[in-house]
Every structure is written in C-alpha cells, then in structure tokens.
C-alpha cells in the first residue's frame, strides 16, 4: 500500500520543461513584459489569459524567440528549456523552433500540397533519409493532428483548399512533424467556428500526452476546458499562476477575480 501511494505520488509530480526567470520585454521604450517568472510543466496544457494588450502573446513569443524577428524588441531574463538557455548565442533559433513549435491565430498553410506542408520542416531538418521515411513522418503527423482520415486520399491537393478548421489542424500537424517538445498556440481557435473549435480543443487534450502545450486564449471558457495550469497577465505583469481549477474558482489576487467575473477586460 505504502509503495503504491509512493508510485502514485511520483506519477503526479510533473517535470518542469521550461523555466522562465526575471523576464522583461521591451519594444523600443515600451516596457511590455515586467519581471515574469513561470515554470512550464511537461505533458501539461498551460493557458495564458488576460485582457487584450496585456502581454500574453508577447511572452508566448519569447518561448521560441519569435520576438527576435521584431525590430526594436529586446528580451531580458532567463529562459531555460530542459536546463539549457534558449537565448545563448550558440543556440540556432531555427533548430530551437523545431523543438518549440508554434501554431498561429489564423491558419496559415503554405501554398503547397497537404503533403508538402507537413514534409516542409522534416525536410529542412533532415529527419527522413528517403521517401518511405518521409511518408511515415507525414502520416504520423496528420494522424496526431486528427486530420489524416479527411485528407489521406488527396495529399497532393493544396492545403489552402481545406476548410478553416482543417487548415488549423493541418498547421498543428505541420508544427508537430519535427517532433517538438513544446507546442505554442497563439489563440488557435479565434478564427474558427464552434464545431472546428471543439475539434481543436479535443486535439489539444490529446497532444498533451506527448507534448508540453502553451496556449494563449481570450476565452476563459476555453482555458478552463483545455488547461491544467493557468497564468493571468495584466498590464505586462504575471498577476497569478496556478492550477486552472483554483485560478477560476478561488483566485488569490483581486485583479484575477475582477477579470474572471468580467469587471476588468
């Protein structure tokens, strides 16, 4: 009995995948993110919530150095992935983004076939030695993206010809084709109808078995449905971070409560 409870406790303890300490982001003279500290757990969905312009997407982009592509952006602090500093000069951002994939607000398939959309990343990173291996990678990613059955007979058709919800699942399949460890999603359902949103939410729940997922969402209902951890941002600060259930039912900070009850936002 004692051994069993120890095993159960061990299963409950999630490993930290990313550690972010003393994080600041500046756009020119604007101090957009102020002293954020957060741990992203492995095989967990972490939701970033907060009013528009609160810094949640800016902070998300720090996690795979997407802010590097924005003129005038400056990032300070420590961002560790499995104990390694992702902002170290020796880290290649392209290789980092294979490990920390990203799905954007608006589905953005490449103007290529469905097959080539998914094969794009594995080709760049040399993950397949031949066509048979690439076929396997593409099928696995499309299955994990919960879209294989809908597209398996038209892999040569353009990805842009799919419906919005299918395009977003294709983009998720494309992001996971390089076998990332972390998957970032910036409001992945905001351009989708309710049925497509439900399909993507179901997919997010499945993906956490293999990945650490971080989702920015403007929908508190969505955060409550899909995440285990929630971070509430306000005016560039991380106000509160904890178990999703507690953040929504018994928040510690009055600003969190005001946002959740609709008084600020």
C-alpha atoms as a PDB file:
ATOM      1  CA  UNK A   1       0.000   0.000   0.000  1.00  0.00           C
ATOM      2  CA  UNK A   2       2.776   2.361   1.003  1.00  0.00           C
ATOM      3  CA  UNK A   3       4.779   1.585  -2.128  1.00  0.00           C
ATOM      4  CA  UNK A   4       1.701   2.110  -4.282  1.00  0.00           C
ATOM      5  CA  UNK A   5       0.979   5.536  -2.809  1.00  0.00           C
ATOM      6  CA  UNK A   6       4.617   6.483  -3.388  1.00  0.00           C
ATOM      7  CA  UNK A   7       4.304   5.424  -7.040  1.00  0.00           C
ATOM      8  CA  UNK A   8       1.073   7.414  -7.393  1.00  0.00           C
ATOM      9  CA  UNK A   9       2.743  10.471  -5.899  1.00  0.00           C
ATOM     10  CA  UNK A  10       5.680  10.064  -8.289  1.00  0.00           C
ATOM     11  CA  UNK A  11       3.278   9.937 -11.240  1.00  0.00           C
ATOM     12  CA  UNK A  12       1.603  13.155 -10.075  1.00  0.00           C
ATOM     13  CA  UNK A  13       4.854  15.153  -9.970  1.00  0.00           C
ATOM     14  CA  UNK A  14       5.263  16.729 -13.392  1.00  0.00           C
ATOM     15  CA  UNK A  15       8.705  17.558 -14.702  1.00  0.00           C
ATOM     16  CA  UNK A  16       9.415  21.214 -15.458  1.00  0.00           C
ATOM     17  CA  UNK A  17      10.047  21.632 -19.197  1.00  0.00           C
ATOM     18  CA  UNK A  18      10.767  25.366 -19.358  1.00  0.00           C
ATOM     19  CA  UNK A  19      11.840  27.720 -16.584  1.00  0.00           C
ATOM     20  CA  UNK A  20      11.443  31.451 -17.125  1.00  0.00           C
ATOM     21  CA  UNK A  21      13.002  33.817 -14.579  1.00  0.00           C
ATOM     22  CA  UNK A  22      13.140  37.634 -14.269  1.00  0.00           C
ATOM     23  CA  UNK A  23      11.788  38.053 -17.799  1.00  0.00           C
ATOM     24  CA  UNK A  24      11.376  41.503 -19.314  1.00  0.00           C
ATOM     25  CA  UNK A  25      10.482  42.513 -22.883  1.00  0.00           C
ATOM     26  CA  UNK A  26      10.915  45.983 -24.347  1.00  0.00           C
ATOM     27  CA  UNK A  27       9.634  47.314 -27.678  1.00  0.00           C
ATOM     28  CA  UNK A  28      11.801  50.390 -28.069  1.00  0.00           C
ATOM     29  CA  UNK A  29      10.997  52.435 -24.947  1.00  0.00           C
ATOM     30  CA  UNK A  30       7.833  50.455 -24.124  1.00  0.00           C
ATOM     31  CA  UNK A  31       8.259  48.011 -21.248  1.00  0.00           C
ATOM     32  CA  UNK A  32       5.830  45.327 -22.453  1.00  0.00           C
ATOM     33  CA  UNK A  33       6.637  42.450 -20.045  1.00  0.00           C
ATOM     34  CA  UNK A  34       7.741  43.150 -16.475  1.00  0.00           C
ATOM     35  CA  UNK A  35       9.609  40.639 -14.355  1.00  0.00           C
ATOM     36  CA  UNK A  36       7.692  37.453 -15.230  1.00  0.00           C
ATOM     37  CA  UNK A  37       8.610  34.170 -13.518  1.00  0.00           C
ATOM     38  CA  UNK A  38       6.874  30.999 -14.653  1.00  0.00           C
ATOM     39  CA  UNK A  39       7.512  27.244 -14.972  1.00  0.00           C
ATOM     40  CA  UNK A  40       6.029  25.345 -17.915  1.00  0.00           C
ATOM     41  CA  UNK A  41       5.440  21.701 -16.995  1.00  0.00           C
ATOM     42  CA  UNK A  42       5.939  18.761 -19.319  1.00  0.00           C
ATOM     43  CA  UNK A  43       2.861  16.986 -20.726  1.00  0.00           C
ATOM     44  CA  UNK A  44       0.605  19.736 -19.407  1.00  0.00           C
ATOM     45  CA  UNK A  45      -1.539  22.405 -21.089  1.00  0.00           C
ATOM     46  CA  UNK A  46      -0.722  25.845 -19.693  1.00  0.00           C
ATOM     47  CA  UNK A  47      -3.124  28.660 -20.630  1.00  0.00           C
ATOM     48  CA  UNK A  48      -2.144  32.346 -20.720  1.00  0.00           C
ATOM     49  CA  UNK A  49      -5.200  34.551 -20.162  1.00  0.00           C
ATOM     50  CA  UNK A  50      -5.763  38.273 -19.704  1.00  0.00           C
ATOM     51  CA  UNK A  51      -7.224  41.354 -21.425  1.00  0.00           C
ATOM     52  CA  UNK A  52      -6.116  42.390 -24.935  1.00  0.00           C
ATOM     53  CA  UNK A  53      -2.705  44.027 -24.891  1.00  0.00           C
ATOM     54  CA  UNK A  54      -1.745  42.528 -21.510  1.00  0.00           C
ATOM     55  CA  UNK A  55       1.421  40.869 -22.858  1.00  0.00           C
ATOM     56  CA  UNK A  56       0.349  37.213 -23.065  1.00  0.00           C
ATOM     57  CA  UNK A  57       1.209  36.790 -26.776  1.00  0.00           C
ATOM     58  CA  UNK A  58       4.427  38.788 -26.350  1.00  0.00           C
ATOM     59  CA  UNK A  59       5.515  36.450 -23.572  1.00  0.00           C
ATOM     60  CA  UNK A  60       4.499  33.373 -25.589  1.00  0.00           C
ATOM     61  CA  UNK A  61       6.754  34.549 -28.436  1.00  0.00           C
ATOM     62  CA  UNK A  62       9.698  34.698 -26.005  1.00  0.00           C
ATOM     63  CA  UNK A  63       9.493  30.937 -25.600  1.00  0.00           C
ATOM     64  CA  UNK A  64      10.726  30.229 -29.139  1.00  0.00           C
ATOM     65  CA  UNK A  65      12.492  33.539 -29.820  1.00  0.00           C
ATOM     66  CA  UNK A  66       9.868  34.808 -32.256  1.00  0.00           C
ATOM     67  CA  UNK A  67      10.481  38.283 -30.815  1.00  0.00           C
ATOM     68  CA  UNK A  68      13.929  38.093 -32.478  1.00  0.00           C
ATOM     69  CA  UNK A  69      12.116  38.811 -35.748  1.00  0.00           C
ATOM     70  CA  UNK A  70      10.582  42.098 -34.468  1.00  0.00           C
ATOM     71  CA  UNK A  71      12.651  45.260 -34.978  1.00  0.00           C
ATOM     72  CA  UNK A  72      13.322  47.096 -31.712  1.00  0.00           C
ATOM     73  CA  UNK A  73      12.290  44.177 -29.480  1.00  0.00           C
ATOM     74  CA  UNK A  74      14.615  43.381 -26.584  1.00  0.00           C
ATOM     75  CA  UNK A  75      14.261  40.366 -24.298  1.00  0.00           C
ATOM     76  CA  UNK A  76      15.952  40.104 -20.899  1.00  0.00           C
ATOM     77  CA  UNK A  77      15.971  37.335 -18.303  1.00  0.00           C
ATOM     78  CA  UNK A  78      16.492  33.598 -18.259  1.00  0.00           C
ATOM     79  CA  UNK A  79      14.559  31.172 -20.466  1.00  0.00           C
ATOM     80  CA  UNK A  80      15.648  27.564 -19.898  1.00  0.00           C
ATOM     81  CA  UNK A  81      14.477  24.547 -21.915  1.00  0.00           C
ATOM     82  CA  UNK A  82      15.493  21.312 -20.168  1.00  0.00           C
ATOM     83  CA  UNK A  83      18.135  23.318 -18.304  1.00  0.00           C
ATOM     84  CA  UNK A  84      19.612  24.982 -21.412  1.00  0.00           C
ATOM     85  CA  UNK A  85      19.423  28.723 -22.060  1.00  0.00           C
ATOM     86  CA  UNK A  86      17.472  29.215 -25.313  1.00  0.00           C
ATOM     87  CA  UNK A  87      18.916  32.748 -25.693  1.00  0.00           C
ATOM     88  CA  UNK A  88      22.523  31.516 -25.559  1.00  0.00           C
ATOM     89  CA  UNK A  89      24.420  32.819 -28.614  1.00  0.00           C
ATOM     90  CA  UNK A  90      25.271  29.241 -29.597  1.00  0.00           C
ATOM     91  CA  UNK A  91      21.594  28.305 -29.924  1.00  0.00           C
ATOM     92  CA  UNK A  92      20.330  28.371 -33.518  1.00  0.00           C
ATOM     93  CA  UNK A  93      16.785  29.856 -33.478  1.00  0.00           C
ATOM     94  CA  UNK A  94      15.794  27.630 -36.443  1.00  0.00           C
ATOM     95  CA  UNK A  95      16.773  24.487 -34.509  1.00  0.00           C
ATOM     96  CA  UNK A  96      15.074  25.862 -31.395  1.00  0.00           C
ATOM     97  CA  UNK A  97      11.797  26.345 -33.303  1.00  0.00           C
ATOM     98  CA  UNK A  98      11.914  22.695 -34.363  1.00  0.00           C
ATOM     99  CA  UNK A  99      11.885  21.858 -30.628  1.00  0.00           C
ATOM    100  CA  UNK A 100       9.408  24.587 -29.682  1.00  0.00           C
ATOM    101  CA  UNK A 101       6.766  24.596 -32.430  1.00  0.00           C
ATOM    102  CA  UNK A 102       4.160  27.308 -32.940  1.00  0.00           C
ATOM    103  CA  UNK A 103       0.599  27.496 -34.243  1.00  0.00           C
ATOM    104  CA  UNK A 104      -0.778  30.941 -35.011  1.00  0.00           C
ATOM    105  CA  UNK A 105      -4.139  32.646 -34.614  1.00  0.00           C
ATOM    106  CA  UNK A 106      -5.036  32.499 -38.286  1.00  0.00           C
ATOM    107  CA  UNK A 107      -4.469  29.190 -40.070  1.00  0.00           C
ATOM    108  CA  UNK A 108      -1.518  29.780 -42.402  1.00  0.00           C
ATOM    109  CA  UNK A 109      -0.872  26.733 -44.584  1.00  0.00           C
ATOM    110  CA  UNK A 110       1.891  27.177 -47.145  1.00  0.00           C
ATOM    111  CA  UNK A 111       0.778  27.457 -50.794  1.00  0.00           C
ATOM    112  CA  UNK A 112       1.841  23.846 -51.287  1.00  0.00           C
ATOM    113  CA  UNK A 113       0.195  20.427 -51.237  1.00  0.00           C
ATOM    114  CA  UNK A 114      -1.095  18.989 -47.960  1.00  0.00           C
ATOM    115  CA  UNK A 115       1.795  16.508 -48.051  1.00  0.00           C
ATOM    116  CA  UNK A 116       4.435  19.203 -48.648  1.00  0.00           C
ATOM    117  CA  UNK A 117       3.048  21.398 -45.873  1.00  0.00           C
ATOM    118  CA  UNK A 118       3.775  18.649 -43.357  1.00  0.00           C
ATOM    119  CA  UNK A 119       7.021  17.481 -45.002  1.00  0.00           C
ATOM    120  CA  UNK A 120       8.485  21.021 -45.047  1.00  0.00           C
ATOM    121  CA  UNK A 121      10.000  21.007 -41.525  1.00  0.00           C
ATOM    122  CA  UNK A 122      11.303  17.424 -41.605  1.00  0.00           C
ATOM    123  CA  UNK A 123      12.973  18.202 -44.979  1.00  0.00           C
ATOM    124  CA  UNK A 124      14.755  21.304 -43.613  1.00  0.00           C
ATOM    125  CA  UNK A 125      15.979  19.389 -40.568  1.00  0.00           C
ATOM    126  CA  UNK A 126      16.945  16.234 -42.487  1.00  0.00           C
ATOM    127  CA  UNK A 127      14.653  13.948 -40.489  1.00  0.00           C
ATOM    128  CA  UNK A 128      13.986  11.480 -43.340  1.00  0.00           C
ATOM    129  CA  UNK A 129      16.538   9.545 -45.358  1.00  0.00           C
ATOM    130  CA  UNK A 130      14.153   8.561 -48.130  1.00  0.00           C
ATOM    131  CA  UNK A 131      10.598   8.927 -49.430  1.00  0.00           C
ATOM    132  CA  UNK A 132       9.292   5.968 -47.386  1.00  0.00           C
ATOM    133  CA  UNK A 133      10.519   7.559 -44.150  1.00  0.00           C
ATOM    134  CA  UNK A 134       9.020  10.902 -45.131  1.00  0.00           C
ATOM    135  CA  UNK A 135       5.682   9.212 -45.945  1.00  0.00           C
ATOM    136  CA  UNK A 136       5.726   7.733 -42.453  1.00  0.00           C
ATOM    137  CA  UNK A 137       6.509  11.084 -40.779  1.00  0.00           C
ATOM    138  CA  UNK A 138       3.751  12.837 -42.755  1.00  0.00           C
ATOM    139  CA  UNK A 139       1.151  10.189 -41.950  1.00  0.00           C
ATOM    140  CA  UNK A 140       2.061  10.145 -38.250  1.00  0.00           C
ATOM    141  CA  UNK A 141       1.832  13.950 -38.007  1.00  0.00           C
ATOM    142  CA  UNK A 142      -1.502  14.079 -39.848  1.00  0.00           C
ATOM    143  CA  UNK A 143      -2.859  11.330 -37.578  1.00  0.00           C
ATOM    144  CA  UNK A 144      -1.682  13.214 -34.492  1.00  0.00           C
ATOM    145  CA  UNK A 145      -3.232  16.352 -35.967  1.00  0.00           C
ATOM    146  CA  UNK A 146      -6.551  14.456 -36.170  1.00  0.00           C
ATOM    147  CA  UNK A 147      -6.934  15.147 -39.891  1.00  0.00           C
ATOM    148  CA  UNK A 148      -5.481  12.031 -41.606  1.00  0.00           C
ATOM    149  CA  UNK A 149      -8.833  10.402 -42.359  1.00  0.00           C
ATOM    150  CA  UNK A 150     -10.097  13.590 -44.035  1.00  0.00           C
ATOM    151  CA  UNK A 151      -7.070  14.151 -46.296  1.00  0.00           C
ATOM    152  CA  UNK A 152      -5.378  10.762 -46.861  1.00  0.00           C
ATOM    153  CA  UNK A 153      -6.863  10.417 -50.358  1.00  0.00           C
ATOM    154  CA  UNK A 154      -5.872  13.926 -51.506  1.00  0.00           C
ATOM    155  CA  UNK A 155      -2.404  14.571 -50.133  1.00  0.00           C
ATOM    156  CA  UNK A 156      -1.434  16.255 -53.420  1.00  0.00           C
ATOM    157  CA  UNK A 157      -4.272  18.804 -53.130  1.00  0.00           C
ATOM    158  CA  UNK A 158      -3.358  22.326 -51.938  1.00  0.00           C
ATOM    159  CA  UNK A 159      -3.508  22.882 -48.177  1.00  0.00           C
ATOM    160  CA  UNK A 160      -5.145  26.242 -48.825  1.00  0.00           C
ATOM    161  CA  UNK A 161      -8.204  24.437 -50.259  1.00  0.00           C
ATOM    162  CA  UNK A 162      -9.190  22.978 -46.878  1.00  0.00           C
ATOM    163  CA  UNK A 163     -11.818  24.488 -44.559  1.00  0.00           C
ATOM    164  CA  UNK A 164     -10.631  26.818 -41.781  1.00  0.00           C
ATOM    165  CA  UNK A 165     -10.778  24.159 -39.090  1.00  0.00           C
ATOM    166  CA  UNK A 166      -8.998  21.637 -41.315  1.00  0.00           C
ATOM    167  CA  UNK A 167      -6.330  24.227 -42.171  1.00  0.00           C
ATOM    168  CA  UNK A 168      -5.664  24.820 -38.480  1.00  0.00           C
ATOM    169  CA  UNK A 169      -5.355  21.081 -37.808  1.00  0.00           C
ATOM    170  CA  UNK A 170      -3.010  20.866 -40.829  1.00  0.00           C
ATOM    171  CA  UNK A 171      -0.915  23.661 -39.271  1.00  0.00           C
ATOM    172  CA  UNK A 172      -0.837  21.732 -35.992  1.00  0.00           C
ATOM    173  CA  UNK A 173       0.259  18.600 -37.899  1.00  0.00           C
ATOM    174  CA  UNK A 174       2.947  20.691 -39.631  1.00  0.00           C
ATOM    175  CA  UNK A 175       4.173  22.018 -36.260  1.00  0.00           C
ATOM    176  CA  UNK A 176       4.440  18.541 -34.715  1.00  0.00           C
ATOM    177  CA  UNK A 177       6.071  16.881 -37.757  1.00  0.00           C
ATOM    178  CA  UNK A 178       9.526  17.903 -36.456  1.00  0.00           C
ATOM    179  CA  UNK A 179       8.764  16.103 -33.155  1.00  0.00           C
ATOM    180  CA  UNK A 180       8.883  19.235 -30.987  1.00  0.00           C
ATOM    181  CA  UNK A 181       8.934  19.030 -27.195  1.00  0.00           C
ATOM    182  CA  UNK A 182       6.845  22.145 -26.630  1.00  0.00           C
ATOM    183  CA  UNK A 183       3.921  23.394 -28.741  1.00  0.00           C
ATOM    184  CA  UNK A 184       2.948  27.066 -28.535  1.00  0.00           C
ATOM    185  CA  UNK A 185      -0.530  28.108 -29.701  1.00  0.00           C
ATOM    186  CA  UNK A 186      -1.452  31.764 -30.071  1.00  0.00           C
ATOM    187  CA  UNK A 187      -5.274  31.938 -29.958  1.00  0.00           C
ATOM    188  CA  UNK A 188      -5.534  28.898 -32.256  1.00  0.00           C
ATOM    189  CA  UNK A 189      -9.352  28.894 -32.316  1.00  0.00           C
ATOM    190  CA  UNK A 190     -10.199  32.588 -32.598  1.00  0.00           C
ATOM    191  CA  UNK A 191     -10.731  32.375 -36.376  1.00  0.00           C
ATOM    192  CA  UNK A 192     -12.728  29.122 -36.184  1.00  0.00           C
ATOM    193  CA  UNK A 193     -16.428  28.279 -35.867  1.00  0.00           C
ATOM    194  CA  UNK A 194     -17.700  26.423 -32.741  1.00  0.00           C
ATOM    195  CA  UNK A 195     -17.526  22.950 -34.325  1.00  0.00           C
ATOM    196  CA  UNK A 196     -13.939  23.424 -35.545  1.00  0.00           C
ATOM    197  CA  UNK A 197     -13.049  24.949 -32.156  1.00  0.00           C
ATOM    198  CA  UNK A 198     -14.351  21.841 -30.367  1.00  0.00           C
ATOM    199  CA  UNK A 199     -12.270  19.618 -32.677  1.00  0.00           C
ATOM    200  CA  UNK A 200      -9.093  21.625 -31.997  1.00  0.00           C
ATOM    201  CA  UNK A 201      -9.766  21.643 -28.234  1.00  0.00           C
ATOM    202  CA  UNK A 202     -10.163  17.854 -28.292  1.00  0.00           C
ATOM    203  CA  UNK A 203      -6.906  17.624 -30.215  1.00  0.00           C
ATOM    204  CA  UNK A 204      -5.094  19.840 -27.659  1.00  0.00           C
ATOM    205  CA  UNK A 205      -6.196  17.447 -24.918  1.00  0.00           C
ATOM    206  CA  UNK A 206      -4.730  14.512 -26.868  1.00  0.00           C
ATOM    207  CA  UNK A 207      -1.493  16.355 -27.692  1.00  0.00           C
ATOM    208  CA  UNK A 208      -0.618  16.866 -24.045  1.00  0.00           C
ATOM    209  CA  UNK A 209       0.114  13.139 -23.761  1.00  0.00           C
ATOM    210  CA  UNK A 210       3.225  13.793 -25.863  1.00  0.00           C
ATOM    211  CA  UNK A 211       3.973  17.495 -25.588  1.00  0.00           C
ATOM    212  CA  UNK A 212       4.064  20.432 -23.266  1.00  0.00           C
ATOM    213  CA  UNK A 213       1.373  22.755 -24.713  1.00  0.00           C
ATOM    214  CA  UNK A 214       1.128  26.501 -24.032  1.00  0.00           C
ATOM    215  CA  UNK A 215      -1.991  28.235 -25.315  1.00  0.00           C
ATOM    216  CA  UNK A 216      -2.841  31.935 -25.383  1.00  0.00           C
ATOM    217  CA  UNK A 217      -6.606  32.358 -25.363  1.00  0.00           C
ATOM    218  CA  UNK A 218      -9.026  35.260 -24.983  1.00  0.00           C
ATOM    219  CA  UNK A 219     -11.703  32.736 -23.993  1.00  0.00           C
ATOM    220  CA  UNK A 220     -11.777  31.935 -20.284  1.00  0.00           C
ATOM    221  CA  UNK A 221     -14.159  29.056 -21.001  1.00  0.00           C
ATOM    222  CA  UNK A 222     -11.574  27.578 -23.346  1.00  0.00           C
ATOM    223  CA  UNK A 223      -8.791  27.965 -20.772  1.00  0.00           C
ATOM    224  CA  UNK A 224     -10.992  26.233 -18.184  1.00  0.00           C
ATOM    225  CA  UNK A 225     -11.786  23.377 -20.603  1.00  0.00           C
ATOM    226  CA  UNK A 226      -8.343  22.584 -22.001  1.00  0.00           C
ATOM    227  CA  UNK A 227      -5.686  23.609 -19.471  1.00  0.00           C
ATOM    228  CA  UNK A 228      -4.333  22.232 -16.218  1.00  0.00           C
ATOM    229  CA  UNK A 229      -2.339  25.380 -15.357  1.00  0.00           C
ATOM    230  CA  UNK A 230      -3.373  28.995 -15.961  1.00  0.00           C
ATOM    231  CA  UNK A 231      -1.342  32.221 -15.930  1.00  0.00           C
ATOM    232  CA  UNK A 232      -3.225  35.524 -15.679  1.00  0.00           C
ATOM    233  CA  UNK A 233      -1.453  38.516 -17.240  1.00  0.00           C
ATOM    234  CA  UNK A 234      -2.427  42.154 -16.701  1.00  0.00           C
ATOM    235  CA  UNK A 235      -0.579  45.271 -17.897  1.00  0.00           C
ATOM    236  CA  UNK A 236       2.563  43.299 -18.738  1.00  0.00           C
ATOM    237  CA  UNK A 237       2.754  41.567 -15.375  1.00  0.00           C
ATOM    238  CA  UNK A 238       2.063  37.978 -14.385  1.00  0.00           C
ATOM    239  CA  UNK A 239      -0.547  38.549 -11.695  1.00  0.00           C
ATOM    240  CA  UNK A 240      -1.260  34.951 -10.768  1.00  0.00           C
ATOM    241  CA  UNK A 241      -0.223  31.460 -11.848  1.00  0.00           C
ATOM    242  CA  UNK A 242      -1.503  28.131 -10.593  1.00  0.00           C
ATOM    243  CA  UNK A 243      -3.819  25.167 -11.065  1.00  0.00           C
ATOM    244  CA  UNK A 244      -6.593  26.097 -13.509  1.00  0.00           C
ATOM    245  CA  UNK A 245      -9.345  24.972 -11.159  1.00  0.00           C
ATOM    246  CA  UNK A 246      -8.064  27.178  -8.377  1.00  0.00           C
ATOM    247  CA  UNK A 247      -7.478  30.241 -10.587  1.00  0.00           C
ATOM    248  CA  UNK A 248     -11.101  30.092 -11.783  1.00  0.00           C
ATOM    249  CA  UNK A 249     -12.823  29.186  -8.517  1.00  0.00           C
ATOM    250  CA  UNK A 250     -10.636  30.638  -5.789  1.00  0.00           C
ATOM    251  CA  UNK A 251      -8.125  33.186  -7.166  1.00  0.00           C
ATOM    252  CA  UNK A 252      -5.737  34.787  -4.678  1.00  0.00           C
ATOM    253  CA  UNK A 253      -5.404  38.186  -6.352  1.00  0.00           C
ATOM    254  CA  UNK A 254      -8.405  40.553  -6.549  1.00  0.00           C
ATOM    255  CA  UNK A 255      -7.369  41.539 -10.111  1.00  0.00           C
ATOM    256  CA  UNK A 256      -7.727  37.908 -11.216  1.00  0.00           C
ATOM    257  CA  UNK A 257     -11.160  37.731  -9.659  1.00  0.00           C
ATOM    258  CA  UNK A 258     -12.168  41.010 -11.323  1.00  0.00           C
ATOM    259  CA  UNK A 259     -11.090  39.690 -14.735  1.00  0.00           C
ATOM    260  CA  UNK A 260     -12.799  36.316 -14.319  1.00  0.00           C
ATOM    261  CA  UNK A 261     -16.056  37.911 -13.168  1.00  0.00           C
ATOM    262  CA  UNK A 262     -15.936  40.379 -16.069  1.00  0.00           C
ATOM    263  CA  UNK A 263     -15.197  43.570 -14.141  1.00  0.00           C
ATOM    264  CA  UNK A 264     -11.930  44.203 -15.995  1.00  0.00           C
ATOM    265  CA  UNK A 265     -11.059  43.137 -19.535  1.00  0.00           C
END
